[in-house]
Amino acid sequence: MTQLTMAKALNEGLRRAMADDPKVLIMGEDIGKLGGVFRITDGLLDEFGAPRVIDTPLAEAGIMGTAVGLAYRGYRPVVEIQFDGFVYPAFDQIVCQVAKLHYRTSGKVTMPITIRIPWAGGVGAAEHHSESPEAYFVHTSGLRVVAVSNPQDAYTVLRQAIASDDPVVFFEPKRLYHTKGEVDLDVPLADAPPMGLARVARPGQDVTLLTYGAQVATAMDAATAAEDEGIDIEVIDLRSLSPVDYRTVAASVRKTGRVVVTHEAAREAGVGAELVASVTEKCFYHLEAPPVRVTGYDIPYPPAKLEKHHLPDLDRILDAVDRVLDRPNSLTGVDL
């Protein structure tokens, strides 16, 4: 085991994937000489050379179109979108080409493209630099969508994504880039948890708390705080947003009978809405209370000084837990 930041774990994951397969190459804006704006690709140009570490123009549609052509020719391109809000110019290529070519060609063509996206808020940046566009891609058939929450998953799931013959949208919570954790750099991919499997981050009996990305840490803090009130929260790190591991989710909800979902993205038609709908369909007769969502607000991402009011925090999550437990909460006032 090695102590690594998430940023370094991602760097090591890219290095290992490139060393293992000469068909893996990486491309994006400023990823070569600069090593990326977050230094995720630092040192890879010197190690693997310009033919495999490609600095591109500032043109996301062109980057993705080039990746499609490379995948056609048998390569495994890893594309870095510099910031979450910069992915929209590439949206047409991702939705109309990357997601559909395997189906369109009756399986003759695969699109083993990994699209890395530094993602979500909490770093004091404005719109286009702190957005949460995951629902767009979850809604798109033909894409796998994953979101990591710790250095070990950053390393392992990135390698799994690159090895997959399916296109993978890989969300990296940028506010966790400097978070450290133990990483096993020698774990064989065959022995690692599958990319689509959810993780029970904390077992509990009273409430199921579903989340992903940087919100996992907030959920864990909420679960610790709830212990003081005698409340036992089970935290599920979804890891994969498409497909969702509903077997793990349903097993937890059937045990606790209560569910709260939290994510940074806006509430309207977000991933949380789909989770709540699916949980209700699968576990209706086990539910003791209506599921509750704790999300970002339905507004463009706010200025840096206001983002702490926008992001779901410990207090908002605990209030939702009180709601599903029929305890006094913000909707009922102090007294029931």
C-alpha atoms as a PDB file:
ATOM      1  CA  MET A   1       0.000   0.000   0.000  1.00  0.00           C
ATOM      2  CA  THR A   2       1.139   3.532  -0.827  1.00  0.00           C
ATOM      3  CA  GLN A   3      -0.205   6.850   0.441  1.00  0.00           C
ATOM      4  CA  LEU A   4      -1.224   8.904  -2.611  1.00  0.00           C
ATOM      5  CA  THR A   5      -3.397  11.892  -3.357  1.00  0.00           C
ATOM      6  CA  MET A   6      -6.251  11.280  -5.768  1.00  0.00           C
ATOM      7  CA  ALA A   7      -4.389  13.342  -8.376  1.00  0.00           C
ATOM      8  CA  LYS A   8      -1.294  11.166  -8.067  1.00  0.00           C
ATOM      9  CA  ALA A   9      -3.404   7.986  -8.085  1.00  0.00           C
ATOM     10  CA  LEU A  10      -4.952   9.074 -11.389  1.00  0.00           C
ATOM     11  CA  ASN A  11      -1.488   9.823 -12.744  1.00  0.00           C
ATOM     12  CA  GLU A  12      -0.300   6.367 -11.735  1.00  0.00           C
ATOM     13  CA  GLY A  13      -3.408   4.798 -13.283  1.00  0.00           C
ATOM     14  CA  LEU A  14      -2.688   6.475 -16.609  1.00  0.00           C
ATOM     15  CA  ARG A  15       0.978   5.500 -16.438  1.00  0.00           C
ATOM     16  CA  ARG A  16       0.151   1.851 -15.716  1.00  0.00           C
ATOM     17  CA  ALA A  17      -2.446   1.679 -18.499  1.00  0.00           C
ATOM     18  CA  MET A  18      -0.044   3.190 -21.017  1.00  0.00           C
ATOM     19  CA  ALA A  19       2.773   0.868 -19.972  1.00  0.00           C
ATOM     20  CA  ASP A  20       0.529  -2.194 -20.222  1.00  0.00           C
ATOM     21  CA  ASP A  21      -0.930  -1.401 -23.667  1.00  0.00           C
ATOM     22  CA  PRO A  22       0.873   0.519 -26.436  1.00  0.00           C
ATOM     23  CA  LYS A  23      -2.505   1.292 -28.016  1.00  0.00           C
ATOM     24  CA  VAL A  24      -3.430   3.560 -25.067  1.00  0.00           C
ATOM     25  CA  LEU A  25      -2.766   7.231 -25.697  1.00  0.00           C
ATOM     26  CA  ILE A  26      -3.915  10.404 -23.992  1.00  0.00           C
ATOM     27  CA  MET A  27      -4.986  13.690 -25.542  1.00  0.00           C
ATOM     28  CA  GLY A  28      -6.318  17.027 -24.397  1.00  0.00           C
ATOM     29  CA  GLU A  29      -5.604  20.684 -23.824  1.00  0.00           C
ATOM     30  CA  ASP A  30      -2.272  21.383 -22.071  1.00  0.00           C
ATOM     31  CA  ILE A  31      -1.814  17.769 -20.984  1.00  0.00           C
ATOM     32  CA  GLY A  32       1.667  17.343 -22.438  1.00  0.00           C
ATOM     33  CA  LYS A  33       4.256  19.984 -21.638  1.00  0.00           C
ATOM     34  CA  LEU A  34       2.196  21.485 -18.811  1.00  0.00           C
ATOM     35  CA  GLY A  35       1.026  18.152 -17.416  1.00  0.00           C
ATOM     36  CA  GLY A  36      -2.604  19.326 -17.333  1.00  0.00           C
ATOM     37  CA  VAL A  37      -4.075  22.226 -15.374  1.00  0.00           C
ATOM     38  CA  PHE A  38      -4.401  19.886 -12.372  1.00  0.00           C
ATOM     39  CA  ARG A  39      -1.096  18.114 -13.188  1.00  0.00           C
ATOM     40  CA  ILE A  40      -2.834  14.768 -13.597  1.00  0.00           C
ATOM     41  CA  THR A  41      -0.725  13.960 -16.669  1.00  0.00           C
ATOM     42  CA  ASP A  42       2.525  15.327 -15.250  1.00  0.00           C
ATOM     43  CA  GLY A  43       5.615  13.447 -16.459  1.00  0.00           C
ATOM     44  CA  LEU A  44       3.803  11.266 -18.998  1.00  0.00           C
ATOM     45  CA  LEU A  45       5.087  13.203 -22.015  1.00  0.00           C
ATOM     46  CA  ASP A  46       8.697  12.573 -20.987  1.00  0.00           C
ATOM     47  CA  GLU A  47       8.011   8.894 -20.386  1.00  0.00           C
ATOM     48  CA  PHE A  48       5.871   8.004 -23.405  1.00  0.00           C
ATOM     49  CA  GLY A  49       6.605  10.721 -25.963  1.00  0.00           C
ATOM     50  CA  ALA A  50       4.556  13.119 -28.082  1.00  0.00           C
ATOM     51  CA  PRO A  51       2.927  10.425 -30.277  1.00  0.00           C
ATOM     52  CA  ARG A  52       1.111   9.067 -27.197  1.00  0.00           C
ATOM     53  CA  VAL A  53       0.702  12.234 -25.092  1.00  0.00           C
ATOM     54  CA  ILE A  54      -0.924  14.691 -27.440  1.00  0.00           C
ATOM     55  CA  ASP A  55      -1.430  18.397 -26.767  1.00  0.00           C
ATOM     56  CA  THR A  56      -4.519  19.410 -28.716  1.00  0.00           C
ATOM     57  CA  PRO A  57      -6.014  22.714 -29.853  1.00  0.00           C
ATOM     58  CA  LEU A  58      -8.714  24.301 -27.683  1.00  0.00           C
ATOM     59  CA  ALA A  59     -11.489  22.518 -29.564  1.00  0.00           C
ATOM     60  CA  GLU A  60     -13.398  19.854 -27.641  1.00  0.00           C
ATOM     61  CA  ALA A  61     -15.484  18.744 -30.630  1.00  0.00           C
ATOM     62  CA  GLY A  62     -12.289  18.224 -32.594  1.00  0.00           C
ATOM     63  CA  ILE A  63     -10.664  16.333 -29.721  1.00  0.00           C
ATOM     64  CA  MET A  64     -13.605  13.935 -29.455  1.00  0.00           C
ATOM     65  CA  GLY A  65     -13.881  13.539 -33.233  1.00  0.00           C
ATOM     66  CA  THR A  66     -10.201  12.625 -33.381  1.00  0.00           C
ATOM     67  CA  ALA A  67     -10.704  10.124 -30.555  1.00  0.00           C
ATOM     68  CA  VAL A  68     -13.504   8.461 -32.546  1.00  0.00           C
ATOM     69  CA  GLY A  69     -11.181   8.061 -35.520  1.00  0.00           C
ATOM     70  CA  LEU A  70      -8.423   6.645 -33.331  1.00  0.00           C
ATOM     71  CA  ALA A  71     -10.835   4.149 -31.759  1.00  0.00           C
ATOM     72  CA  TYR A  72     -11.885   3.070 -35.260  1.00  0.00           C
ATOM     73  CA  ARG A  73      -8.209   2.290 -35.946  1.00  0.00           C
ATOM     74  CA  GLY A  74      -7.828   0.130 -32.846  1.00  0.00           C
ATOM     75  CA  TYR A  75      -6.443   2.635 -30.346  1.00  0.00           C
ATOM     76  CA  ARG A  76      -7.712   3.292 -26.823  1.00  0.00           C
ATOM     77  CA  PRO A  77      -7.745   7.078 -26.506  1.00  0.00           C
ATOM     78  CA  VAL A  78      -8.082   8.735 -23.120  1.00  0.00           C
ATOM     79  CA  VAL A  79      -9.493  12.231 -23.570  1.00  0.00           C
ATOM     80  CA  GLU A  80      -9.145  14.913 -20.916  1.00  0.00           C
ATOM     81  CA  ILE A  81     -11.834  17.600 -20.896  1.00  0.00           C
ATOM     82  CA  GLN A  82     -10.087  20.413 -19.047  1.00  0.00           C
ATOM     83  CA  PHE A  83     -13.137  21.413 -16.963  1.00  0.00           C
ATOM     84  CA  ASP A  84     -16.634  19.974 -16.585  1.00  0.00           C
ATOM     85  CA  GLY A  85     -18.342  22.914 -18.281  1.00  0.00           C
ATOM     86  CA  PHE A  86     -16.081  22.592 -21.330  1.00  0.00           C
ATOM     87  CA  VAL A  87     -17.621  19.256 -22.313  1.00  0.00           C
ATOM     88  CA  TYR A  88     -20.633  20.802 -24.039  1.00  0.00           C
ATOM     89  CA  PRO A  89     -18.886  21.576 -27.361  1.00  0.00           C
ATOM     90  CA  ALA A  90     -18.031  17.847 -27.491  1.00  0.00           C
ATOM     91  CA  PHE A  91     -21.571  16.795 -26.607  1.00  0.00           C
ATOM     92  CA  ASP A  92     -22.621  16.136 -30.201  1.00  0.00           C
ATOM     93  CA  GLN A  93     -19.662  13.828 -30.805  1.00  0.00           C
ATOM     94  CA  ILE A  94     -20.171  11.967 -27.524  1.00  0.00           C
ATOM     95  CA  VAL A  95     -23.928  11.460 -27.895  1.00  0.00           C
ATOM     96  CA  CYS A  96     -24.212  10.993 -31.673  1.00  0.00           C
ATOM     97  CA  GLN A  97     -20.990   9.093 -32.397  1.00  0.00           C
ATOM     98  CA  VAL A  98     -19.217   7.696 -29.333  1.00  0.00           C
ATOM     99  CA  ALA A  99     -22.365   6.324 -27.695  1.00  0.00           C
ATOM    100  CA  LYS A 100     -23.937   4.887 -30.838  1.00  0.00           C
ATOM    101  CA  LEU A 101     -21.262   3.465 -33.153  1.00  0.00           C
ATOM    102  CA  HIS A 102     -21.124   0.015 -31.527  1.00  0.00           C
ATOM    103  CA  TYR A 103     -24.892  -0.348 -31.913  1.00  0.00           C
ATOM    104  CA  ARG A 104     -24.971   1.295 -35.349  1.00  0.00           C
ATOM    105  CA  THR A 105     -22.404  -1.153 -36.731  1.00  0.00           C
ATOM    106  CA  SER A 106     -24.061  -4.246 -35.232  1.00  0.00           C
ATOM    107  CA  GLY A 107     -21.083  -4.736 -32.941  1.00  0.00           C
ATOM    108  CA  LYS A 108     -18.395  -4.560 -35.642  1.00  0.00           C
ATOM    109  CA  VAL A 109     -16.910  -1.340 -34.216  1.00  0.00           C
ATOM    110  CA  THR A 110     -16.084  -0.661 -30.579  1.00  0.00           C
ATOM    111  CA  MET A 111     -15.429   2.729 -29.003  1.00  0.00           C
ATOM    112  CA  PRO A 112     -12.933   2.086 -26.171  1.00  0.00           C
ATOM    113  CA  ILE A 113     -12.708   5.779 -25.316  1.00  0.00           C
ATOM    114  CA  THR A 114     -12.304   7.072 -21.767  1.00  0.00           C
ATOM    115  CA  ILE A 115     -13.464  10.661 -21.282  1.00  0.00           C
ATOM    116  CA  ARG A 116     -11.896  12.113 -18.135  1.00  0.00           C
ATOM    117  CA  ILE A 117     -13.751  15.113 -16.728  1.00  0.00           C
ATOM    118  CA  PRO A 118     -12.540  17.137 -13.708  1.00  0.00           C
ATOM    119  CA  TRP A 119     -15.922  17.737 -12.195  1.00  0.00           C
ATOM    120  CA  ALA A 120     -18.184  19.551  -9.720  1.00  0.00           C
ATOM    121  CA  GLY A 121     -17.645  22.374  -7.256  1.00  0.00           C
ATOM    122  CA  GLY A 122     -16.002  23.268  -4.000  1.00  0.00           C
ATOM    123  CA  VAL A 123     -12.821  24.812  -5.429  1.00  0.00           C
ATOM    124  CA  GLY A 124     -13.852  28.476  -5.571  1.00  0.00           C
ATOM    125  CA  ALA A 125     -14.396  28.568  -9.326  1.00  0.00           C
ATOM    126  CA  ALA A 126     -17.331  29.949 -11.290  1.00  0.00           C
ATOM    127  CA  GLU A 127     -19.668  28.435 -13.875  1.00  0.00           C
ATOM    128  CA  HIS A 128     -18.087  26.290 -16.635  1.00  0.00           C
ATOM    129  CA  HIS A 129     -15.500  25.246 -14.007  1.00  0.00           C
ATOM    130  CA  SER A 130     -17.709  23.773 -11.254  1.00  0.00           C
ATOM    131  CA  GLU A 131     -20.612  22.098 -13.026  1.00  0.00           C
ATOM    132  CA  SER A 132     -22.198  18.680 -12.614  1.00  0.00           C
ATOM    133  CA  PRO A 133     -23.366  17.488 -16.057  1.00  0.00           C
ATOM    134  CA  GLU A 134     -23.592  13.782 -15.223  1.00  0.00           C
ATOM    135  CA  ALA A 135     -27.348  13.453 -15.860  1.00  0.00           C
ATOM    136  CA  TYR A 136     -26.880  14.275 -19.557  1.00  0.00           C
ATOM    137  CA  PHE A 137     -24.602  11.273 -19.984  1.00  0.00           C
ATOM    138  CA  VAL A 138     -26.553   8.925 -17.703  1.00  0.00           C
ATOM    139  CA  HIS A 139     -29.539   9.591 -19.973  1.00  0.00           C
ATOM    140  CA  THR A 140     -27.501   8.591 -23.049  1.00  0.00           C
ATOM    141  CA  SER A 141     -27.666   4.886 -23.865  1.00  0.00           C
ATOM    142  CA  GLY A 142     -24.341   3.399 -24.928  1.00  0.00           C
ATOM    143  CA  LEU A 143     -22.183   5.183 -22.360  1.00  0.00           C
ATOM    144  CA  ARG A 144     -20.853   3.951 -19.064  1.00  0.00           C
ATOM    145  CA  VAL A 145     -20.698   6.720 -16.463  1.00  0.00           C
ATOM    146  CA  VAL A 146     -18.572   6.438 -13.327  1.00  0.00           C
ATOM    147  CA  ALA A 147     -17.663   8.820 -10.501  1.00  0.00           C
ATOM    148  CA  VAL A 148     -14.818   8.091  -8.081  1.00  0.00           C
ATOM    149  CA  SER A 149     -14.599   9.206  -4.459  1.00  0.00           C
ATOM    150  CA  ASN A 150     -11.201   8.045  -3.185  1.00  0.00           C
ATOM    151  CA  PRO A 151      -7.631   7.494  -4.423  1.00  0.00           C
ATOM    152  CA  GLN A 152      -7.899   3.697  -4.659  1.00  0.00           C
ATOM    153  CA  ASP A 153     -10.953   3.870  -6.913  1.00  0.00           C
ATOM    154  CA  ALA A 154      -9.349   6.674  -8.892  1.00  0.00           C
ATOM    155  CA  TYR A 155      -6.444   4.369  -9.708  1.00  0.00           C
ATOM    156  CA  THR A 156      -8.315   1.109 -10.211  1.00  0.00           C
ATOM    157  CA  VAL A 157     -11.493   2.307 -11.906  1.00  0.00           C
ATOM    158  CA  LEU A 158      -9.514   4.467 -14.337  1.00  0.00           C
ATOM    159  CA  ARG A 159      -7.522   1.408 -15.403  1.00  0.00           C
ATOM    160  CA  GLN A 160     -10.757  -0.584 -15.720  1.00  0.00           C
ATOM    161  CA  ALA A 161     -12.323   2.163 -17.820  1.00  0.00           C
ATOM    162  CA  ILE A 162      -9.376   2.277 -20.192  1.00  0.00           C
ATOM    163  CA  ALA A 163      -9.402  -1.526 -20.528  1.00  0.00           C
ATOM    164  CA  SER A 164     -13.150  -1.561 -21.264  1.00  0.00           C
ATOM    165  CA  ASP A 165     -14.362  -1.849 -24.849  1.00  0.00           C
ATOM    166  CA  ASP A 166     -17.262   0.443 -23.945  1.00  0.00           C
ATOM    167  CA  PRO A 167     -16.947   4.241 -23.911  1.00  0.00           C
ATOM    168  CA  VAL A 168     -16.676   5.504 -20.339  1.00  0.00           C
ATOM    169  CA  VAL A 169     -17.377   9.003 -19.012  1.00  0.00           C
ATOM    170  CA  PHE A 170     -15.064   9.222 -16.007  1.00  0.00           C
ATOM    171  CA  PHE A 171     -15.915  11.953 -13.490  1.00  0.00           C
ATOM    172  CA  GLU A 172     -13.147  13.104 -11.129  1.00  0.00           C
ATOM    173  CA  PRO A 173     -14.235  15.329  -8.197  1.00  0.00           C
ATOM    174  CA  LYS A 174     -11.677  18.095  -8.413  1.00  0.00           C
ATOM    175  CA  ARG A 175     -12.094  19.143  -4.775  1.00  0.00           C
ATOM    176  CA  LEU A 176     -10.737  15.727  -3.797  1.00  0.00           C
ATOM    177  CA  TYR A 177      -7.619  15.889  -5.974  1.00  0.00           C
ATOM    178  CA  HIS A 178      -5.440  16.598  -2.928  1.00  0.00           C
ATOM    179  CA  THR A 179      -7.169  14.090  -0.628  1.00  0.00           C
ATOM    180  CA  LYS A 180      -4.798  11.288   0.417  1.00  0.00           C
ATOM    181  CA  GLY A 181      -5.528   7.617   0.892  1.00  0.00           C
ATOM    182  CA  GLU A 182      -4.000   4.160   0.767  1.00  0.00           C
ATOM    183  CA  VAL A 183      -3.603   2.804  -2.759  1.00  0.00           C
ATOM    184  CA  ASP A 184      -2.607  -0.725  -3.764  1.00  0.00           C
ATOM    185  CA  LEU A 185      -0.759  -0.142  -7.027  1.00  0.00           C
ATOM    186  CA  ASP A 186      -0.233  -3.869  -7.574  1.00  0.00           C
ATOM    187  CA  VAL A 187      -3.853  -5.038  -7.401  1.00  0.00           C
ATOM    188  CA  PRO A 188      -4.697  -7.074 -10.540  1.00  0.00           C
ATOM    189  CA  LEU A 189      -7.758  -5.694 -12.322  1.00  0.00           C
ATOM    190  CA  ALA A 190      -9.310  -9.163 -12.207  1.00  0.00           C
ATOM    191  CA  ASP A 191      -9.190  -9.053  -8.394  1.00  0.00           C
ATOM    192  CA  ALA A 192     -10.555  -5.505  -8.038  1.00  0.00           C
ATOM    193  CA  PRO A 193     -14.263  -4.795  -7.482  1.00  0.00           C
ATOM    194  CA  PRO A 194     -15.999  -4.538 -10.880  1.00  0.00           C
ATOM    195  CA  MET A 195     -16.351  -1.030 -12.288  1.00  0.00           C
ATOM    196  CA  GLY A 196     -20.161  -1.168 -12.058  1.00  0.00           C
ATOM    197  CA  LEU A 197     -20.360  -2.333  -8.444  1.00  0.00           C
ATOM    198  CA  ALA A 198     -21.495   0.026  -5.673  1.00  0.00           C
ATOM    199  CA  ARG A 199     -19.600   0.147  -2.367  1.00  0.00           C
ATOM    200  CA  VAL A 200     -21.057   0.072   1.124  1.00  0.00           C
ATOM    201  CA  ALA A 201     -18.876   2.847   2.525  1.00  0.00           C
ATOM    202  CA  ARG A 202     -20.432   2.567   5.977  1.00  0.00           C
ATOM    203  CA  PRO A 203     -22.914  -0.092   7.130  1.00  0.00           C
ATOM    204  CA  GLY A 204     -26.008   0.990   9.042  1.00  0.00           C
ATOM    205  CA  GLN A 205     -29.533  -0.052  10.023  1.00  0.00           C
ATOM    206  CA  ASP A 206     -31.766   3.032  10.111  1.00  0.00           C
ATOM    207  CA  VAL A 207     -31.384   5.028   6.877  1.00  0.00           C
ATOM    208  CA  THR A 208     -29.785   4.392   3.474  1.00  0.00           C
ATOM    209  CA  LEU A 209     -27.822   7.396   2.185  1.00  0.00           C
ATOM    210  CA  LEU A 210     -27.064   7.120  -1.551  1.00  0.00           C
ATOM    211  CA  THR A 211     -24.395   9.340  -3.081  1.00  0.00           C
ATOM    212  CA  TYR A 212     -21.248   9.509  -5.225  1.00  0.00           C
ATOM    213  CA  GLY A 213     -18.128  11.577  -5.880  1.00  0.00           C
ATOM    214  CA  ALA A 214     -17.101  14.225  -3.372  1.00  0.00           C
ATOM    215  CA  GLN A 215     -20.455  13.927  -1.591  1.00  0.00           C
ATOM    216  CA  VAL A 216     -19.372  10.560  -0.195  1.00  0.00           C
ATOM    217  CA  ALA A 217     -17.087  12.340   2.285  1.00  0.00           C
ATOM    218  CA  THR A 218     -19.921  14.699   3.288  1.00  0.00           C
ATOM    219  CA  ALA A 219     -22.255  11.735   3.713  1.00  0.00           C
ATOM    220  CA  MET A 220     -19.725   9.971   5.918  1.00  0.00           C
ATOM    221  CA  ASP A 221     -19.441  13.087   8.098  1.00  0.00           C
ATOM    222  CA  ALA A 222     -23.239  13.194   8.375  1.00  0.00           C
ATOM    223  CA  ALA A 223     -23.341   9.545   9.408  1.00  0.00           C
ATOM    224  CA  THR A 224     -20.742  10.176  12.105  1.00  0.00           C
ATOM    225  CA  ALA A 225     -22.664  13.202  13.397  1.00  0.00           C
ATOM    226  CA  ALA A 226     -25.931  11.227  13.441  1.00  0.00           C
ATOM    227  CA  GLU A 227     -24.402   8.702  15.825  1.00  0.00           C
ATOM    228  CA  ASP A 228     -24.745  11.311  18.587  1.00  0.00           C
ATOM    229  CA  GLU A 229     -28.523  11.096  18.112  1.00  0.00           C
ATOM    230  CA  GLY A 230     -28.497   7.301  18.080  1.00  0.00           C
ATOM    231  CA  ILE A 231     -29.122   7.157  14.310  1.00  0.00           C
ATOM    232  CA  ASP A 232     -27.320   4.479  12.282  1.00  0.00           C
ATOM    233  CA  ILE A 233     -26.859   5.577   8.647  1.00  0.00           C
ATOM    234  CA  GLU A 234     -25.718   3.247   5.879  1.00  0.00           C
ATOM    235  CA  VAL A 235     -23.710   5.150   3.231  1.00  0.00           C
ATOM    236  CA  ILE A 236     -23.648   3.731  -0.293  1.00  0.00           C
ATOM    237  CA  ASP A 237     -21.010   5.026  -2.705  1.00  0.00           C
ATOM    238  CA  LEU A 238     -22.627   4.310  -6.065  1.00  0.00           C
ATOM    239  CA  ARG A 239     -19.316   4.512  -8.017  1.00  0.00           C
ATOM    240  CA  SER A 240     -21.182   3.730 -11.252  1.00  0.00           C
ATOM    241  CA  LEU A 241     -24.020   6.029 -12.326  1.00  0.00           C
ATOM    242  CA  SER A 242     -24.768   4.101 -15.518  1.00  0.00           C
ATOM    243  CA  PRO A 243     -25.417   1.307 -14.973  1.00  0.00           C
ATOM    244  CA  VAL A 244     -26.414   1.636 -11.312  1.00  0.00           C
ATOM    245  CA  ASP A 245     -25.831  -1.358  -9.071  1.00  0.00           C
ATOM    246  CA  TYR A 246     -29.447  -1.639  -7.951  1.00  0.00           C
ATOM    247  CA  ARG A 247     -28.821  -5.017  -6.320  1.00  0.00           C
ATOM    248  CA  THR A 248     -26.651  -3.366  -3.646  1.00  0.00           C
ATOM    249  CA  VAL A 249     -28.950  -0.340  -3.414  1.00  0.00           C
ATOM    250  CA  ALA A 250     -32.120  -2.406  -3.056  1.00  0.00           C
ATOM    251  CA  ALA A 251     -30.582  -4.700  -0.450  1.00  0.00           C
ATOM    252  CA  SER A 252     -29.757  -1.674   1.685  1.00  0.00           C
ATOM    253  CA  VAL A 253     -33.154  -0.003   1.277  1.00  0.00           C
ATOM    254  CA  ARG A 254     -35.026  -3.215   2.075  1.00  0.00           C
ATOM    255  CA  LYS A 255     -33.008  -3.410   5.281  1.00  0.00           C
ATOM    256  CA  THR A 256     -33.412   0.196   6.435  1.00  0.00           C
ATOM    257  CA  GLY A 257     -36.792   1.114   4.916  1.00  0.00           C
ATOM    258  CA  ARG A 258     -35.691   4.724   4.468  1.00  0.00           C
ATOM    259  CA  VAL A 259     -33.589   6.417   1.801  1.00  0.00           C
ATOM    260  CA  VAL A 260     -31.953   9.798   1.266  1.00  0.00           C
ATOM    261  CA  VAL A 261     -30.136  10.690  -1.965  1.00  0.00           C
ATOM    262  CA  THR A 262     -27.610  13.507  -2.186  1.00  0.00           C
ATOM    263  CA  HIS A 263     -25.631  14.981  -5.082  1.00  0.00           C
ATOM    264  CA  GLU A 264     -24.206  18.362  -6.092  1.00  0.00           C
ATOM    265  CA  ALA A 265     -26.053  18.572  -9.405  1.00  0.00           C
ATOM    266  CA  ALA A 266     -29.357  20.409  -9.745  1.00  0.00           C
ATOM    267  CA  ARG A 267     -32.478  18.714  -8.441  1.00  0.00           C
ATOM    268  CA  GLU A 268     -34.701  18.865 -11.553  1.00  0.00           C
ATOM    269  CA  ALA A 269     -34.361  15.638 -13.608  1.00  0.00           C
ATOM    270  CA  GLY A 270     -31.082  14.825 -11.856  1.00  0.00           C
ATOM    271  CA  VAL A 271     -29.554  11.439 -11.099  1.00  0.00           C
ATOM    272  CA  GLY A 272     -31.302  11.580  -7.716  1.00  0.00           C
ATOM    273  CA  ALA A 273     -34.708  11.673  -9.394  1.00  0.00           C
ATOM    274  CA  GLU A 274     -33.962   8.458 -11.274  1.00  0.00           C
ATOM    275  CA  LEU A 275     -32.602   6.815  -8.132  1.00  0.00           C
ATOM    276  CA  VAL A 276     -35.713   7.724  -6.153  1.00  0.00           C
ATOM    277  CA  ALA A 277     -38.022   6.493  -8.925  1.00  0.00           C
ATOM    278  CA  SER A 278     -36.170   3.195  -9.311  1.00  0.00           C
ATOM    279  CA  VAL A 279     -35.910   2.595  -5.565  1.00  0.00           C
ATOM    280  CA  THR A 280     -39.634   3.255  -5.206  1.00  0.00           C
ATOM    281  CA  GLU A 281     -40.421   0.773  -7.990  1.00  0.00           C
ATOM    282  CA  LYS A 282     -38.125  -1.916  -6.620  1.00  0.00           C
ATOM    283  CA  CYS A 283     -38.657  -1.439  -2.881  1.00  0.00           C
ATOM    284  CA  PHE A 284     -42.080   0.184  -2.489  1.00  0.00           C
ATOM    285  CA  TYR A 285     -43.420  -2.282   0.058  1.00  0.00           C
ATOM    286  CA  HIS A 286     -40.271  -1.973   2.184  1.00  0.00           C
ATOM    287  CA  LEU A 287     -40.317   1.830   2.414  1.00  0.00           C
ATOM    288  CA  GLU A 288     -41.359   3.341   5.724  1.00  0.00           C
ATOM    289  CA  ALA A 289     -41.208   6.944   4.428  1.00  0.00           C
ATOM    290  CA  PRO A 290     -41.035   8.785   1.103  1.00  0.00           C
ATOM    291  CA  PRO A 291     -37.449   9.070  -0.231  1.00  0.00           C
ATOM    292  CA  VAL A 292     -35.850  12.522   0.060  1.00  0.00           C
ATOM    293  CA  ARG A 293     -33.345  14.276  -2.240  1.00  0.00           C
ATOM    294  CA  VAL A 294     -30.665  16.716  -1.068  1.00  0.00           C
ATOM    295  CA  THR A 295     -29.145  18.423  -4.097  1.00  0.00           C
ATOM    296  CA  GLY A 296     -27.733  21.573  -5.575  1.00  0.00           C
ATOM    297  CA  TYR A 297     -30.286  24.226  -6.499  1.00  0.00           C
ATOM    298  CA  ASP A 298     -31.873  24.681  -9.924  1.00  0.00           C
ATOM    299  CA  ILE A 299     -29.720  27.667 -10.832  1.00  0.00           C
ATOM    300  CA  PRO A 300     -26.508  28.207 -12.806  1.00  0.00           C
ATOM    301  CA  TYR A 301     -23.511  27.516 -10.594  1.00  0.00           C
ATOM    302  CA  PRO A 302     -23.103  30.500  -8.252  1.00  0.00           C
ATOM    303  CA  PRO A 303     -20.075  32.762  -7.672  1.00  0.00           C
ATOM    304  CA  ALA A 304     -17.343  31.367  -5.419  1.00  0.00           C
ATOM    305  CA  LYS A 305     -18.481  33.303  -2.341  1.00  0.00           C
ATOM    306  CA  LEU A 306     -21.909  31.667  -2.523  1.00  0.00           C
ATOM    307  CA  GLU A 307     -21.017  28.094  -3.395  1.00  0.00           C
ATOM    308  CA  LYS A 308     -20.994  26.964   0.245  1.00  0.00           C
ATOM    309  CA  HIS A 309     -24.724  27.749   0.302  1.00  0.00           C
ATOM    310  CA  HIS A 310     -25.274  25.835  -2.945  1.00  0.00           C
ATOM    311  CA  LEU A 311     -23.494  22.578  -2.177  1.00  0.00           C
ATOM    312  CA  PRO A 312     -25.377  20.037  -0.032  1.00  0.00           C
ATOM    313  CA  ASP A 313     -23.756  20.084   3.379  1.00  0.00           C
ATOM    314  CA  LEU A 314     -23.921  18.088   6.592  1.00  0.00           C
ATOM    315  CA  ASP A 315     -26.838  20.107   8.025  1.00  0.00           C
ATOM    316  CA  ARG A 316     -29.024  19.692   4.938  1.00  0.00           C
ATOM    317  CA  ILE A 317     -28.331  15.966   4.816  1.00  0.00           C
ATOM    318  CA  LEU A 318     -29.105  15.497   8.507  1.00  0.00           C
ATOM    319  CA  ASP A 319     -32.336  17.459   8.069  1.00  0.00           C
ATOM    320  CA  ALA A 320     -33.338  15.024   5.292  1.00  0.00           C
ATOM    321  CA  VAL A 321     -32.502  12.110   7.602  1.00  0.00           C
ATOM    322  CA  ASP A 322     -34.804  13.640  10.220  1.00  0.00           C
ATOM    323  CA  ARG A 323     -37.552  13.879   7.602  1.00  0.00           C
ATOM    324  CA  VAL A 324     -37.439  10.189   6.625  1.00  0.00           C
ATOM    325  CA  LEU A 325     -37.317   9.249  10.333  1.00  0.00           C
ATOM    326  CA  ASP A 326     -40.330  11.482  11.072  1.00  0.00           C
ATOM    327  CA  ARG A 327     -38.285  13.572  13.500  1.00  0.00           C
ATOM    328  CA  PRO A 328     -38.590  17.363  13.882  1.00  0.00           C
ATOM    329  CA  ASN A 329     -37.075  18.967  10.791  1.00  0.00           C
ATOM    330  CA  SER A 330     -37.059  22.157   8.704  1.00  0.00           C
ATOM    331  CA  LEU A 331     -40.497  21.406   7.270  1.00  0.00           C
ATOM    332  CA  THR A 332     -42.202  20.690  10.591  1.00  0.00           C
ATOM    333  CA  GLY A 333     -40.454  23.175  12.862  1.00  0.00           C
ATOM    334  CA  VAL A 334     -39.016  22.286  16.243  1.00  0.00           C
ATOM    335  CA  ASP A 335     -42.125  20.544  17.507  1.00  0.00           C
ATOM    336  CA  LEU A 336     -44.149  17.957  15.629  1.00  0.00           C
END
